[in-house]
PDB file of N, CA and C in Angstrom:
ATOM      1  N   UNK A   1       6.871  17.170   5.741  1.00  0.00           N
ATOM      2  CA  UNK A   1       5.607  17.761   5.359  1.00  0.00           C
ATOM      3  C   UNK A   1       4.881  16.831   4.392  1.00  0.00           C
ATOM      4  N   UNK A   2       3.586  16.660   4.584  1.00  0.00           N
ATOM      5  CA  UNK A   2       2.822  15.784   3.690  1.00  0.00           C
ATOM      6  C   UNK A   2       2.481  16.450   2.363  1.00  0.00           C
ATOM      7  N   UNK A   3       2.230  15.612   1.390  1.00  0.00           N
ATOM      8  CA  UNK A   3       1.764  16.069   0.087  1.00  0.00           C
ATOM      9  C   UNK A   3       0.266  15.820   0.045  1.00  0.00           C
ATOM     10  N   UNK A   4      -0.504  16.887  -0.161  1.00  0.00           N
ATOM     11  CA  UNK A   4      -1.954  16.767  -0.226  1.00  0.00           C
ATOM     12  C   UNK A   4      -2.405  16.807  -1.673  1.00  0.00           C
ATOM     13  N   UNK A   5      -3.462  16.054  -1.964  1.00  0.00           N
ATOM     14  CA  UNK A   5      -4.007  16.003  -3.315  1.00  0.00           C
ATOM     15  C   UNK A   5      -5.329  16.769  -3.342  1.00  0.00           C
ATOM     16  N   UNK A   6      -5.505  17.559  -4.385  1.00  0.00           N
ATOM     17  CA  UNK A   6      -6.706  18.358  -4.558  1.00  0.00           C
ATOM     18  C   UNK A   6      -7.318  18.064  -5.920  1.00  0.00           C
ATOM     19  N   UNK A   7      -8.643  18.279  -6.030  1.00  0.00           N
ATOM     20  CA  UNK A   7      -9.305  18.183  -7.323  1.00  0.00           C
ATOM     21  C   UNK A   7     -10.308  19.320  -7.453  1.00  0.00           C
ATOM     22  N   UNK A   8     -10.589  19.681  -8.689  1.00  0.00           N
ATOM     23  CA  UNK A   8     -11.542  20.755  -8.961  1.00  0.00           C
ATOM     24  C   UNK A   8     -12.957  20.290  -8.643  1.00  0.00           C
ATOM     25  N   UNK A   9     -13.764  21.187  -8.110  1.00  0.00           N
ATOM     26  CA  UNK A   9     -15.163  20.862  -7.809  1.00  0.00           C
ATOM     27  C   UNK A   9     -15.977  20.755  -9.089  1.00  0.00           C
ATOM     28  N   UNK A  10     -15.628  21.527 -10.088  1.00  0.00           N
ATOM     29  CA  UNK A  10     -16.277  21.477 -11.402  1.00  0.00           C
ATOM     30  C   UNK A  10     -15.191  21.181 -12.435  1.00  0.00           C
ATOM     31  N   UNK A  11     -15.595  20.949 -13.656  1.00  0.00           N
ATOM     32  CA  UNK A  11     -14.624  20.665 -14.711  1.00  0.00           C
ATOM     33  C   UNK A  11     -13.652  21.837 -14.839  1.00  0.00           C
ATOM     34  N   UNK A  12     -12.349  21.556 -14.779  1.00  0.00           N
ATOM     35  CA  UNK A  12     -11.378  22.642 -14.872  1.00  0.00           C
ATOM     36  C   UNK A  12     -11.211  23.112 -16.314  1.00  0.00           C
ATOM     37  N   UNK A  13     -10.641  24.284 -16.500  1.00  0.00           N
ATOM     38  CA  UNK A  13     -10.353  24.727 -17.861  1.00  0.00           C
ATOM     39  C   UNK A  13      -9.301  23.802 -18.482  1.00  0.00           C
ATOM     40  N   UNK A  14      -9.206  23.813 -19.804  1.00  0.00           N
ATOM     41  CA  UNK A  14      -8.270  22.923 -20.497  1.00  0.00           C
ATOM     42  C   UNK A  14      -6.830  23.147 -20.069  1.00  0.00           C
ATOM     43  N   UNK A  15      -6.513  24.328 -19.610  1.00  0.00           N
ATOM     44  CA  UNK A  15      -5.141  24.653 -19.224  1.00  0.00           C
ATOM     45  C   UNK A  15      -4.765  24.100 -17.851  1.00  0.00           C
ATOM     46  N   UNK A  16      -5.713  23.486 -17.149  1.00  0.00           N
ATOM     47  CA  UNK A  16      -5.471  23.044 -15.779  1.00  0.00           C
ATOM     48  C   UNK A  16      -5.790  21.556 -15.628  1.00  0.00           C
ATOM     49  N   UNK A  17      -4.998  20.861 -14.820  1.00  0.00           N
ATOM     50  CA  UNK A  17      -5.231  19.442 -14.540  1.00  0.00           C
ATOM     51  C   UNK A  17      -6.444  19.271 -13.631  1.00  0.00           C
ATOM     52  N   UNK A  18      -7.106  18.120 -13.723  1.00  0.00           N
ATOM     53  CA  UNK A  18      -8.248  17.834 -12.855  1.00  0.00           C
ATOM     54  C   UNK A  18      -7.794  17.710 -11.399  1.00  0.00           C
ATOM     55  N   UNK A  19      -6.664  17.008 -11.194  1.00  0.00           N
ATOM     56  CA  UNK A  19      -6.102  16.838  -9.854  1.00  0.00           C
ATOM     57  C   UNK A  19      -4.683  17.388  -9.823  1.00  0.00           C
ATOM     58  N   UNK A  20      -4.274  17.851  -8.647  1.00  0.00           N
ATOM     59  CA  UNK A  20      -2.908  18.322  -8.473  1.00  0.00           C
ATOM     60  C   UNK A  20      -2.491  18.086  -7.029  1.00  0.00           C
ATOM     61  N   UNK A  21      -1.191  18.112  -6.774  1.00  0.00           N
ATOM     62  CA  UNK A  21      -0.645  17.876  -5.445  1.00  0.00           C
ATOM     63  C   UNK A  21       0.027  19.135  -4.930  1.00  0.00           C
ATOM     64  N   UNK A  22      -0.029  19.316  -3.606  1.00  0.00           N
ATOM     65  CA  UNK A  22       0.591  20.470  -2.966  1.00  0.00           C
ATOM     66  C   UNK A  22       1.310  19.996  -1.714  1.00  0.00           C
ATOM     67  N   UNK A  23       2.560  20.425  -1.555  1.00  0.00           N
ATOM     68  CA  UNK A  23       3.328  20.133  -0.352  1.00  0.00           C
ATOM     69  C   UNK A  23       2.972  21.186   0.690  1.00  0.00           C
ATOM     70  N   UNK A  24       2.356  20.739   1.803  1.00  0.00           N
ATOM     71  CA  UNK A  24       1.895  21.658   2.841  1.00  0.00           C
ATOM     72  C   UNK A  24       2.220  21.102   4.211  1.00  0.00           C
ATOM     73  N   UNK A  25       2.274  21.971   5.193  1.00  0.00           N
ATOM     74  CA  UNK A  25       2.390  21.523   6.572  1.00  0.00           C
ATOM     75  C   UNK A  25       1.049  20.903   6.971  1.00  0.00           C
ATOM     76  N   UNK A  26       1.086  19.967   7.903  1.00  0.00           N
ATOM     77  CA  UNK A  26      -0.157  19.350   8.374  1.00  0.00           C
ATOM     78  C   UNK A  26      -1.048  20.383   9.055  1.00  0.00           C
ATOM     79  N   UNK A  27      -0.458  21.426   9.608  1.00  0.00           N
ATOM     80  CA  UNK A  27      -1.230  22.458  10.301  1.00  0.00           C
ATOM     81  C   UNK A  27      -1.807  23.516   9.352  1.00  0.00           C
ATOM     82  N   UNK A  28      -1.390  23.522   8.077  1.00  0.00           N
ATOM     83  CA  UNK A  28      -1.909  24.495   7.108  1.00  0.00           C
ATOM     84  C   UNK A  28      -3.371  24.205   6.779  1.00  0.00           C
ATOM     85  N   UNK A  29      -4.117  25.266   6.497  1.00  0.00           N
ATOM     86  CA  UNK A  29      -5.510  25.115   6.058  1.00  0.00           C
ATOM     87  C   UNK A  29      -5.537  24.517   4.653  1.00  0.00           C
ATOM     88  N   UNK A  30      -6.591  23.778   4.363  1.00  0.00           N
ATOM     89  CA  UNK A  30      -6.762  23.212   3.028  1.00  0.00           C
ATOM     90  C   UNK A  30      -7.004  24.339   2.031  1.00  0.00           C
ATOM     91  N   UNK A  31      -6.524  24.142   0.804  1.00  0.00           N
ATOM     92  CA  UNK A  31      -6.776  25.121  -0.246  1.00  0.00           C
ATOM     93  C   UNK A  31      -8.246  25.084  -0.638  1.00  0.00           C
ATOM     94  N   UNK A  32      -8.775  26.208  -1.037  1.00  0.00           N
ATOM     95  CA  UNK A  32     -10.142  26.253  -1.548  1.00  0.00           C
ATOM     96  C   UNK A  32     -10.170  26.760  -2.986  1.00  0.00           C
ATOM     97  N   UNK A  33      -9.048  27.342  -3.430  1.00  0.00           N
ATOM     98  CA  UNK A  33      -8.935  27.903  -4.775  1.00  0.00           C
ATOM     99  C   UNK A  33      -7.688  27.306  -5.445  1.00  0.00           C
ATOM    100  N   UNK A  34      -7.828  26.934  -6.704  1.00  0.00           N
ATOM    101  CA  UNK A  34      -6.701  26.397  -7.473  1.00  0.00           C
ATOM    102  C   UNK A  34      -5.669  27.510  -7.691  1.00  0.00           C
ATOM    103  N   UNK A  35      -4.399  27.257  -7.344  1.00  0.00           N
ATOM    104  CA  UNK A  35      -3.394  28.302  -7.539  1.00  0.00           C
ATOM    105  C   UNK A  35      -3.103  28.573  -9.014  1.00  0.00           C
ATOM    106  N   UNK A  36      -3.509  27.670  -9.906  1.00  0.00           N
ATOM    107  CA  UNK A  36      -3.236  27.829 -11.334  1.00  0.00           C
ATOM    108  C   UNK A  36      -4.352  28.595 -12.060  1.00  0.00           C
ATOM    109  N   UNK A  37      -5.607  28.189 -11.827  1.00  0.00           N
ATOM    110  CA  UNK A  37      -6.710  28.782 -12.602  1.00  0.00           C
ATOM    111  C   UNK A  37      -7.701  29.582 -11.769  1.00  0.00           C
ATOM    112  N   UNK A  38      -7.640  29.477 -10.439  1.00  0.00           N
ATOM    113  CA  UNK A  38      -8.545  30.234  -9.581  1.00  0.00           C
ATOM    114  C   UNK A  38      -9.896  29.595  -9.347  1.00  0.00           C
ATOM    115  N   UNK A  39     -10.115  28.380  -9.887  1.00  0.00           N
ATOM    116  CA  UNK A  39     -11.396  27.691  -9.682  1.00  0.00           C
ATOM    117  C   UNK A  39     -11.442  27.063  -8.287  1.00  0.00           C
ATOM    118  N   UNK A  40     -12.658  26.718  -7.831  1.00  0.00           N
ATOM    119  CA  UNK A  40     -12.814  26.100  -6.521  1.00  0.00           C
ATOM    120  C   UNK A  40     -12.287  24.666  -6.546  1.00  0.00           C
ATOM    121  N   UNK A  41     -11.588  24.283  -5.460  1.00  0.00           N
ATOM    122  CA  UNK A  41     -11.041  22.929  -5.336  1.00  0.00           C
ATOM    123  C   UNK A  41     -11.373  22.376  -3.964  1.00  0.00           C
ATOM    124  N   UNK A  42     -11.221  21.062  -3.842  1.00  0.00           N
ATOM    125  CA  UNK A  42     -11.392  20.401  -2.552  1.00  0.00           C
ATOM    126  C   UNK A  42     -10.254  19.408  -2.375  1.00  0.00           C
ATOM    127  N   UNK A  43      -9.873  19.184  -1.117  1.00  0.00           N
ATOM    128  CA  UNK A  43      -8.830  18.207  -0.813  1.00  0.00           C
ATOM    129  C   UNK A  43      -9.451  16.818  -0.849  1.00  0.00           C
ATOM    130  N   UNK A  44      -8.761  15.865  -1.447  1.00  0.00           N
ATOM    131  CA  UNK A  44      -9.276  14.500  -1.544  1.00  0.00           C
ATOM    132  C   UNK A  44      -8.380  13.554  -0.766  1.00  0.00           C
ATOM    133  N   UNK A  45      -8.962  12.467  -0.333  1.00  0.00           N
ATOM    134  CA  UNK A  45      -8.215  11.444   0.381  1.00  0.00           C
ATOM    135  C   UNK A  45      -7.429  10.646  -0.643  1.00  0.00           C
ATOM    136  N   UNK A  46      -6.154  10.522  -0.404  1.00  0.00           N
ATOM    137  CA  UNK A  46      -5.315   9.734  -1.299  1.00  0.00           C
ATOM    138  C   UNK A  46      -4.418   8.856  -0.448  1.00  0.00           C
ATOM    139  N   UNK A  47      -3.389   8.322  -1.029  1.00  0.00           N
ATOM    140  CA  UNK A  47      -2.487   7.396  -0.346  1.00  0.00           C
ATOM    141  C   UNK A  47      -1.886   8.043   0.898  1.00  0.00           C
ATOM    142  N   UNK A  48      -1.915   7.330   2.001  1.00  0.00           N
ATOM    143  CA  UNK A  48      -1.315   7.835   3.240  1.00  0.00           C
ATOM    144  C   UNK A  48      -0.277   6.846   3.743  1.00  0.00           C
ATOM    145  N   UNK A  49       0.764   7.356   4.344  1.00  0.00           N
ATOM    146  CA  UNK A  49       1.808   6.502   4.886  1.00  0.00           C
ATOM    147  C   UNK A  49       2.195   7.038   6.255  1.00  0.00           C
ATOM    148  N   UNK A  50       2.283   6.142   7.224  1.00  0.00           N
ATOM    149  CA  UNK A  50       2.623   6.540   8.578  1.00  0.00           C
ATOM    150  C   UNK A  50       3.783   5.690   9.064  1.00  0.00           C
ATOM    151  N   UNK A  51       4.643   6.298   9.828  1.00  0.00           N
ATOM    152  CA  UNK A  51       5.736   5.553  10.454  1.00  0.00           C
ATOM    153  C   UNK A  51       5.486   5.512  11.948  1.00  0.00           C
ATOM    154  N   UNK A  52       5.706   4.345  12.507  1.00  0.00           N
ATOM    155  CA  UNK A  52       5.575   4.211  13.946  1.00  0.00           C
ATOM    156  C   UNK A  52       6.922   3.798  14.512  1.00  0.00           C
ATOM    157  N   UNK A  53       7.108   4.064  15.760  1.00  0.00           N
ATOM    158  CA  UNK A  53       8.352   3.678  16.415  1.00  0.00           C
ATOM    159  C   UNK A  53       8.117   2.475  17.327  1.00  0.00           C
ATOM    160  N   UNK A  54       7.112   1.698  17.004  1.00  0.00           N
ATOM    161  CA  UNK A  54       6.770   0.520  17.795  1.00  0.00           C
ATOM    162  C   UNK A  54       7.654  -0.649  17.390  1.00  0.00           C
ATOM    163  N   UNK A  55       8.049  -1.427  18.357  1.00  0.00           N
ATOM    164  CA  UNK A  55       8.860  -2.618  18.114  1.00  0.00           C
ATOM    165  C   UNK A  55       7.976  -3.709  17.511  1.00  0.00           C
ATOM    166  N   UNK A  56       8.330  -4.182  16.322  1.00  0.00           N
ATOM    167  CA  UNK A  56       7.561  -5.226  15.650  1.00  0.00           C
ATOM    168  C   UNK A  56       8.338  -6.535  15.605  1.00  0.00           C
ATOM    169  N   UNK A  57       9.159  -6.778  16.588  1.00  0.00           N
ATOM    170  CA  UNK A  57       9.989  -7.979  16.599  1.00  0.00           C
ATOM    171  C   UNK A  57       9.146  -9.223  16.882  1.00  0.00           C
ATOM    172  N   UNK A  58       9.653 -10.399  16.470  1.00  0.00           N
ATOM    173  CA  UNK A  58       8.939 -11.643  16.764  1.00  0.00           C
ATOM    174  C   UNK A  58       8.731 -11.862  18.263  1.00  0.00           C
ATOM    175  N   UNK A  59       9.688 -11.427  19.101  1.00  0.00           N
ATOM    176  CA  UNK A  59       9.540 -11.593  20.550  1.00  0.00           C
ATOM    177  C   UNK A  59       8.388 -10.757  21.095  1.00  0.00           C
ATOM    178  N   UNK A  60       8.243  -9.546  20.588  1.00  0.00           N
ATOM    179  CA  UNK A  60       7.131  -8.690  21.035  1.00  0.00           C
ATOM    180  C   UNK A  60       5.808  -9.270  20.563  1.00  0.00           C
ATOM    181  N   UNK A  61       5.767  -9.778  19.334  1.00  0.00           N
ATOM    182  CA  UNK A  61       4.548 -10.401  18.828  1.00  0.00           C
ATOM    183  C   UNK A  61       4.191 -11.623  19.678  1.00  0.00           C
ATOM    184  N   UNK A  62       5.199 -12.417  20.061  1.00  0.00           N
ATOM    185  CA  UNK A  62       4.968 -13.603  20.891  1.00  0.00           C
ATOM    186  C   UNK A  62       4.415 -13.201  22.258  1.00  0.00           C
ATOM    187  N   UNK A  63       4.917 -12.099  22.812  1.00  0.00           N
ATOM    188  CA  UNK A  63       4.427 -11.626  24.107  1.00  0.00           C
ATOM    189  C   UNK A  63       2.956 -11.225  24.023  1.00  0.00           C
ATOM    190  N   UNK A  64       2.490 -10.845  22.838  1.00  0.00           N
ATOM    191  CA  UNK A  64       1.090 -10.480  22.629  1.00  0.00           C
ATOM    192  C   UNK A  64       0.238 -11.677  22.217  1.00  0.00           C
ATOM    193  N   UNK A  65       0.854 -12.872  22.110  1.00  0.00           N
ATOM    194  CA  UNK A  65       0.102 -14.075  21.780  1.00  0.00           C
ATOM    195  C   UNK A  65       0.119 -14.460  20.313  1.00  0.00           C
ATOM    196  N   UNK A  66       0.970 -13.822  19.513  1.00  0.00           N
ATOM    197  CA  UNK A  66       1.041 -14.126  18.087  1.00  0.00           C
ATOM    198  C   UNK A  66       2.244 -15.023  17.787  1.00  0.00           C
ATOM    199  N   UNK A  67       2.130 -15.777  16.720  1.00  0.00           N
ATOM    200  CA  UNK A  67       3.246 -16.571  16.220  1.00  0.00           C
ATOM    201  C   UNK A  67       3.677 -15.960  14.894  1.00  0.00           C
ATOM    202  N   UNK A  68       4.979 -15.794  14.716  1.00  0.00           N
ATOM    203  CA  UNK A  68       5.496 -15.224  13.477  1.00  0.00           C
ATOM    204  C   UNK A  68       6.332 -16.257  12.743  1.00  0.00           C
ATOM    205  N   UNK A  69       6.264 -16.198  11.417  1.00  0.00           N
ATOM    206  CA  UNK A  69       7.004 -17.117  10.562  1.00  0.00           C
ATOM    207  C   UNK A  69       7.780 -16.329   9.518  1.00  0.00           C
ATOM    208  N   UNK A  70       8.887 -16.911   9.062  1.00  0.00           N
ATOM    209  CA  UNK A  70       9.707 -16.309   8.022  1.00  0.00           C
ATOM    210  C   UNK A  70       9.862 -17.324   6.904  1.00  0.00           C
ATOM    211  N   UNK A  71       9.714 -16.862   5.660  1.00  0.00           N
ATOM    212  CA  UNK A  71       9.856 -17.756   4.518  1.00  0.00           C
ATOM    213  C   UNK A  71      11.313 -18.204   4.425  1.00  0.00           C
ATOM    214  N   UNK A  72      11.520 -19.520   4.363  1.00  0.00           N
ATOM    215  CA  UNK A  72      12.888 -20.039   4.301  1.00  0.00           C
ATOM    216  C   UNK A  72      13.137 -20.844   3.037  1.00  0.00           C
ATOM    217  N   UNK A  73      12.170 -20.991   2.211  1.00  0.00           N
ATOM    218  CA  UNK A  73      12.316 -21.715   0.953  1.00  0.00           C
ATOM    219  C   UNK A  73      10.981 -21.782   0.253  1.00  0.00           C
ATOM    220  N   UNK A  74      10.969 -22.426  -0.902  1.00  0.00           N
ATOM    221  CA  UNK A  74       9.736 -22.531  -1.669  1.00  0.00           C
ATOM    222  C   UNK A  74       8.735 -23.415  -0.938  1.00  0.00           C
ATOM    223  N   UNK A  75       7.658 -22.809  -0.469  1.00  0.00           N
ATOM    224  CA  UNK A  75       6.624 -23.543   0.245  1.00  0.00           C
ATOM    225  C   UNK A  75       6.982 -23.871   1.683  1.00  0.00           C
ATOM    226  N   UNK A  76       8.038 -23.252   2.222  1.00  0.00           N
ATOM    227  CA  UNK A  76       8.481 -23.547   3.589  1.00  0.00           C
ATOM    228  C   UNK A  76       8.568 -22.244   4.386  1.00  0.00           C
ATOM    229  N   UNK A  77       7.931 -22.235   5.550  1.00  0.00           N
ATOM    230  CA  UNK A  77       7.966 -21.105   6.467  1.00  0.00           C
ATOM    231  C   UNK A  77       8.409 -21.613   7.831  1.00  0.00           C
ATOM    232  N   UNK A  78       9.451 -20.990   8.427  1.00  0.00           N
ATOM    233  CA  UNK A  78       9.962 -21.398   9.737  1.00  0.00           C
ATOM    234  C   UNK A  78       9.536 -20.402  10.805  1.00  0.00           C
ATOM    235  N   UNK A  79       9.228 -20.936  11.991  1.00  0.00           N
ATOM    236  CA  UNK A  79       8.787 -20.099  13.098  1.00  0.00           C
ATOM    237  C   UNK A  79       9.944 -19.232  13.582  1.00  0.00           C
ATOM    238  N   UNK A  80       9.655 -17.932  13.824  1.00  0.00           N
ATOM    239  CA  UNK A  80      10.661 -17.028  14.372  1.00  0.00           C
ATOM    240  C   UNK A  80      10.305 -16.563  15.771  1.00  0.00           C
ATOM    241  N   UNK A  81       9.065 -16.775  16.183  1.00  0.00           N
ATOM    242  CA  UNK A  81       8.668 -16.389  17.521  1.00  0.00           C
ATOM    243  C   UNK A  81       7.260 -16.841  17.832  1.00  0.00           C
ATOM    244  N   UNK A  82       6.996 -17.070  19.135  1.00  0.00           N
ATOM    245  CA  UNK A  82       5.664 -17.450  19.574  1.00  0.00           C
ATOM    246  C   UNK A  82       5.485 -18.954  19.672  1.00  0.00           C
ATOM    247  N   UNK A  83       4.273 -19.344  20.036  1.00  0.00           N
ATOM    248  CA  UNK A  83       3.951 -20.764  20.152  1.00  0.00           C
ATOM    249  C   UNK A  83       3.376 -21.256  18.841  1.00  0.00           C
ATOM    250  N   UNK A  84       3.497 -22.527  18.599  1.00  0.00           N
ATOM    251  CA  UNK A  84       2.962 -23.099  17.371  1.00  0.00           C
ATOM    252  C   UNK A  84       3.959 -24.059  16.759  1.00  0.00           C
ATOM    253  N   UNK A  85       3.606 -24.592  15.623  1.00  0.00           N
ATOM    254  CA  UNK A  85       4.488 -25.548  14.961  1.00  0.00           C
ATOM    255  C   UNK A  85       5.784 -24.863  14.550  1.00  0.00           C
ATOM    256  N   UNK A  86       6.879 -25.633  14.492  1.00  0.00           N
ATOM    257  CA  UNK A  86       8.188 -25.066  14.165  1.00  0.00           C
ATOM    258  C   UNK A  86       8.303 -24.639  12.707  1.00  0.00           C
ATOM    259  N   UNK A  87       7.548 -25.303  11.831  1.00  0.00           N
ATOM    260  CA  UNK A  87       7.620 -24.965  10.410  1.00  0.00           C
ATOM    261  C   UNK A  87       6.304 -25.303   9.731  1.00  0.00           C
ATOM    262  N   UNK A  88       6.008 -24.571   8.692  1.00  0.00           N
ATOM    263  CA  UNK A  88       4.858 -24.853   7.846  1.00  0.00           C
ATOM    264  C   UNK A  88       5.419 -25.227   6.489  1.00  0.00           C
ATOM    265  N   UNK A  89       5.086 -26.429   6.029  1.00  0.00           N
ATOM    266  CA  UNK A  89       5.611 -26.915   4.755  1.00  0.00           C
ATOM    267  C   UNK A  89       4.436 -27.243   3.851  1.00  0.00           C
ATOM    268  N   UNK A  90       4.399 -26.614   2.686  1.00  0.00           N
ATOM    269  CA  UNK A  90       3.345 -26.867   1.729  1.00  0.00           C
ATOM    270  C   UNK A  90       3.619 -28.137   0.944  1.00  0.00           C
ATOM    271  N   UNK A  91       2.558 -28.827   0.559  1.00  0.00           N
ATOM    272  CA  UNK A  91       2.715 -30.032  -0.256  1.00  0.00           C
ATOM    273  C   UNK A  91       3.076 -29.627  -1.687  1.00  0.00           C
ATOM    274  N   UNK A  92       3.536 -30.558  -2.478  1.00  0.00           N
ATOM    275  CA  UNK A  92       3.877 -30.285  -3.879  1.00  0.00           C
ATOM    276  C   UNK A  92       2.661 -29.754  -4.642  1.00  0.00           C
ATOM    277  N   UNK A  93       1.474 -30.321  -4.334  1.00  0.00           N
ATOM    278  CA  UNK A  93       0.256 -29.861  -5.002  1.00  0.00           C
ATOM    279  C   UNK A  93      -0.056 -28.412  -4.643  1.00  0.00           C
ATOM    280  N   UNK A  94       0.109 -28.039  -3.359  1.00  0.00           N
ATOM    281  CA  UNK A  94      -0.146 -26.669  -2.929  1.00  0.00           C
ATOM    282  C   UNK A  94       0.843 -25.691  -3.571  1.00  0.00           C
ATOM    283  N   UNK A  95       2.115 -26.075  -3.614  1.00  0.00           N
ATOM    284  CA  UNK A  95       3.135 -25.228  -4.227  1.00  0.00           C
ATOM    285  C   UNK A  95       2.835 -25.026  -5.704  1.00  0.00           C
ATOM    286  N   UNK A  96       2.477 -26.098  -6.398  1.00  0.00           N
ATOM    287  CA  UNK A  96       2.155 -26.011  -7.818  1.00  0.00           C
ATOM    288  C   UNK A  96       0.910 -25.159  -8.045  1.00  0.00           C
ATOM    289  N   UNK A  97      -0.072 -25.287  -7.165  1.00  0.00           N
ATOM    290  CA  UNK A  97      -1.304 -24.509  -7.280  1.00  0.00           C
ATOM    291  C   UNK A  97      -1.011 -23.013  -7.145  1.00  0.00           C
ATOM    292  N   UNK A  98      -0.156 -22.645  -6.205  1.00  0.00           N
ATOM    293  CA  UNK A  98       0.213 -21.242  -6.021  1.00  0.00           C
ATOM    294  C   UNK A  98       0.950 -20.735  -7.254  1.00  0.00           C
ATOM    295  N   UNK A  99       1.835 -21.537  -7.821  1.00  0.00           N
ATOM    296  CA  UNK A  99       2.557 -21.139  -9.031  1.00  0.00           C
ATOM    297  C   UNK A  99       1.587 -20.905 -10.181  1.00  0.00           C
ATOM    298  N   UNK A 100       0.592 -21.776 -10.324  1.00  0.00           N
ATOM    299  CA  UNK A 100      -0.398 -21.632 -11.397  1.00  0.00           C
ATOM    300  C   UNK A 100      -1.229 -20.366 -11.213  1.00  0.00           C
ATOM    301  N   UNK A 101      -1.591 -20.046  -9.968  1.00  0.00           N
ATOM    302  CA  UNK A 101      -2.385 -18.850  -9.695  1.00  0.00           C
ATOM    303  C   UNK A 101      -1.618 -17.582 -10.020  1.00  0.00           C
ATOM    304  N   UNK A 102      -0.301 -17.606  -9.868  1.00  0.00           N
ATOM    305  CA  UNK A 102       0.486 -16.401 -10.092  1.00  0.00           C
ATOM    306  C   UNK A 102       0.846 -16.190 -11.559  1.00  0.00           C
ATOM    307  N   UNK A 103       0.585 -17.180 -12.409  1.00  0.00           N
ATOM    308  CA  UNK A 103       0.853 -17.021 -13.831  1.00  0.00           C
ATOM    309  C   UNK A 103      -0.224 -16.154 -14.462  1.00  0.00           C
ATOM    310  N   UNK A 104       0.145 -15.316 -15.441  1.00  0.00           N
ATOM    311  CA  UNK A 104      -0.880 -14.516 -16.105  1.00  0.00           C
ATOM    312  C   UNK A 104      -1.846 -15.417 -16.869  1.00  0.00           C
ATOM    313  N   UNK A 105      -3.109 -15.090 -16.782  1.00  0.00           N
ATOM    314  CA  UNK A 105      -4.134 -15.888 -17.446  1.00  0.00           C
ATOM    315  C   UNK A 105      -4.107 -15.643 -18.943  1.00  0.00           C
ATOM    316  N   UNK A 106      -4.006 -14.381 -19.346  1.00  0.00           N
ATOM    317  CA  UNK A 106      -4.001 -14.009 -20.739  1.00  0.00           C
ATOM    318  C   UNK A 106      -2.978 -12.918 -20.961  1.00  0.00           C
ATOM    319  N   UNK A 107      -2.343 -12.940 -22.095  1.00  0.00           N
ATOM    320  CA  UNK A 107      -1.458 -11.842 -22.450  1.00  0.00           C
ATOM    321  C   UNK A 107      -1.943 -11.211 -23.739  1.00  0.00           C
ATOM    322  N   UNK A 108      -1.747  -9.932 -23.855  1.00  0.00           N
ATOM    323  CA  UNK A 108      -2.174  -9.210 -25.037  1.00  0.00           C
ATOM    324  C   UNK A 108      -0.969  -8.546 -25.676  1.00  0.00           C
ATOM    325  N   UNK A 109      -0.889  -8.634 -26.978  1.00  0.00           N
ATOM    326  CA  UNK A 109       0.148  -7.925 -27.724  1.00  0.00           C
ATOM    327  C   UNK A 109      -0.440  -6.586 -28.128  1.00  0.00           C
ATOM    328  N   UNK A 110      -0.070  -5.528 -27.403  1.00  0.00           N
ATOM    329  CA  UNK A 110      -0.647  -4.216 -27.660  1.00  0.00           C
ATOM    330  C   UNK A 110      -0.061  -3.535 -28.893  1.00  0.00           C
ATOM    331  N   UNK A 111       1.011  -4.105 -29.445  1.00  0.00           N
ATOM    332  CA  UNK A 111       1.621  -3.526 -30.641  1.00  0.00           C
ATOM    333  C   UNK A 111       0.885  -3.941 -31.910  1.00  0.00           C
ATOM    334  N   UNK A 112       0.100  -4.999 -31.858  1.00  0.00           N
ATOM    335  CA  UNK A 112      -0.618  -5.489 -33.046  1.00  0.00           C
ATOM    336  C   UNK A 112      -2.093  -5.254 -32.945  1.00  0.00           C
TER     337      UNK A 112
END
C-alpha cells in the first residue's frame, strides 16, 4: 500500500502539522478532511517509487541498440554489452577535474 502525503488548504491550527502522511490503498478515495483537526486537506504529489519486472541486463540493452559500461577503476569504465569501444579511460586531467568538482567549495562551522 502506498503512503500518500496531504497538506492543509489553509493554515492549520497550532496543534496540527501542515503536512502529514497516510497509508492507504491505491483504490481508496483521497482524504478531504484532516483526521486530527477536521480542517480541509488536499493530497499532494510527493516522492514516488515504482518497481518493474523488466530485464535491464546489458544484453537486453544491446539488443535495443544501447551500449552499457561498468566502472572498473578510477576514471576507467569497461564495456559490458553492446557495440562501441571496449573501455573508456579518463585522462589524469579529467580525473583530477572531477575530484576538484566533488570537493566542498566552502565549509561552515555552525557551532561558532
